[in-house]
Amino acid sequence: MRVAMVSSKSQITLPAAACRTVGIKPRDRVLIEVKEGEIVVRPAPDIMNFEGFLGKALPREKEKEVMARFIMEERKKHE
């Protein structure tokens, strides 16, 4: 187990070994959630995997709904 310090801006640096273990690379996005009193950090799904990514743009609110549904489905896969 590694220890990281939280900066005055609530930022931390993830240990390189932990990132390699779960496949997080520099400039990747991660999902952050609070689960049972703990902060969980995991790789975010690749946006290129979204169905219709290069197709017609959806209205902003619809895009938010689609993204929220996708994140919930991904979260269920990791429970």
Protein backbone atom coordinates (compact mmCIF):
# COMPACT_ATOMS: atom_id res chain seq x y z
CA MET A 1 0.00 0.00 0.00
CA ARG A 2 1.28 3.45 -0.93
CA VAL A 3 0.60 6.78 0.75
CA ALA A 4 -0.11 9.94 -1.26
CA MET A 5 -0.40 13.49 0.06
CA VAL A 6 -3.42 15.63 -0.78
CA SER A 7 -2.45 19.11 -2.02
CA SER A 8 -4.15 22.36 -1.01
CA LYS A 9 -6.22 21.97 -4.21
CA SER A 10 -7.35 18.44 -3.18
CA GLN A 11 -5.09 16.88 -5.82
CA ILE A 12 -3.09 13.66 -5.47
CA THR A 13 -0.52 11.90 -7.61
CA LEU A 14 -1.36 8.27 -8.25
CA PRO A 15 1.57 5.88 -7.75
CA ALA A 16 2.98 4.71 -11.11
CA ALA A 17 2.90 1.03 -10.12
CA ALA A 18 -0.79 1.24 -9.24
CA CYS A 19 -1.54 2.96 -12.56
CA ARG A 20 0.33 0.31 -14.52
CA THR A 21 -1.56 -2.44 -12.68
CA VAL A 22 -4.96 -1.11 -13.78
CA GLY A 23 -3.86 0.26 -17.16
CA ILE A 24 -4.02 4.00 -16.46
CA LYS A 25 -1.61 5.94 -18.70
CA PRO A 26 -0.62 9.63 -18.66
CA ARG A 27 -3.46 11.87 -19.91
CA ASP A 28 -6.08 9.11 -19.42
CA ARG A 29 -9.33 10.03 -17.75
CA VAL A 30 -10.47 8.26 -14.61
CA LEU A 31 -13.81 7.80 -12.89
CA ILE A 32 -14.00 8.86 -9.25
CA GLU A 33 -16.76 7.64 -6.98
CA VAL A 34 -17.44 7.45 -3.28
CA LYS A 35 -18.50 3.93 -2.37
CA GLU A 36 -19.17 2.78 1.18
CA GLY A 37 -17.14 5.64 2.65
CA GLU A 38 -14.14 5.15 0.35
CA ILE A 39 -12.96 7.01 -2.73
CA VAL A 40 -12.62 4.65 -5.69
CA VAL A 41 -10.52 5.64 -8.73
CA ARG A 42 -10.66 3.53 -11.90
CA PRO A 43 -9.99 3.98 -15.60
CA ALA A 44 -12.78 5.72 -17.51
CA PRO A 45 -14.16 3.86 -20.53
CA ASP A 46 -12.69 4.87 -23.87
CA ILE A 47 -14.97 7.48 -25.44
CA MET A 48 -14.34 5.93 -28.87
CA ASN A 49 -16.34 2.91 -27.68
CA PHE A 50 -19.52 4.96 -27.47
CA GLU A 51 -21.99 3.84 -30.09
CA GLY A 52 -22.48 6.52 -32.74
CA PHE A 53 -19.49 8.55 -31.55
CA LEU A 54 -18.80 9.91 -35.02
CA GLY A 55 -22.47 10.09 -35.97
CA LYS A 56 -24.95 12.93 -35.62
CA ALA A 57 -24.56 14.96 -32.42
CA LEU A 58 -27.34 14.71 -29.87
CA PRO A 59 -28.81 17.65 -27.95
CA ARG A 60 -26.67 18.44 -24.89
CA GLU A 61 -29.22 17.11 -22.36
CA LYS A 62 -29.62 13.87 -24.32
CA GLU A 63 -25.82 13.44 -24.42
CA LYS A 64 -25.74 13.84 -20.63
CA GLU A 65 -28.43 11.17 -20.25
CA VAL A 66 -26.59 8.77 -22.55
CA MET A 67 -23.29 9.34 -20.73
CA ALA A 68 -24.90 8.86 -17.30
CA ARG A 69 -26.54 5.61 -18.42
CA PHE A 70 -23.25 4.35 -19.88
CA ILE A 71 -21.36 5.16 -16.67
CA MET A 72 -24.00 3.38 -14.56
CA GLU A 73 -23.71 0.29 -16.80
CA GLU A 74 -19.91 0.35 -16.49
CA ARG A 75 -20.18 0.77 -12.71
CA LYS A 76 -22.44 -2.32 -12.49
CA LYS A 77 -19.86 -4.37 -14.41
CA HIS A 78 -17.25 -3.57 -11.72
CA GLU A 79 -19.37 -4.27 -8.64
